[in-house]
Amino acid sequence: MVNLENYEEYMMMYADGELNEAETKALMDFVDANPELAKELEAYSATKLVPDTELTRREVQIIKLICDKKTNNEIARLLSLSVRTIEGHRYNICKKTNTSNTLELIEFVVQNNLLAIYG
């Protein structure tokens, strides 16, 4: 059930309280068998996003690049997207995280331990 290819999804669902009893036990057994993942599970559990916040994989990818001090132009070039598309993603990210600029977004990322979770 839980394996190296899908454990992160289970960890996110565990942190959000979305696993049933059998799934929770399977995840805990997997973490017990892979103790190096215990800190990662702890980080997922410690993360508290604003209500109804679901970041897409692309949004997480863009957040990582923002935290790496990349500009919209650089992000667009790296991801083979238009600058306008990146601007749209940044707008959605700020809306979902209730932030209004890059500084607030980075503070949100740090306070909610997102880099540890999304690595």
Foldseek 3Di string as FASTA:
>chain_A
DDDPVCLLVLLLCVLVVNDDPVSVVVSVVVCVVVVVCPVLSVLSNQADADPPQDQDPVLLVLLVVVVVVDDLVRVCVVVVHDSVVSVVSVVVQCVRRVHDDSVVSVVSCVVRVVVSNVD
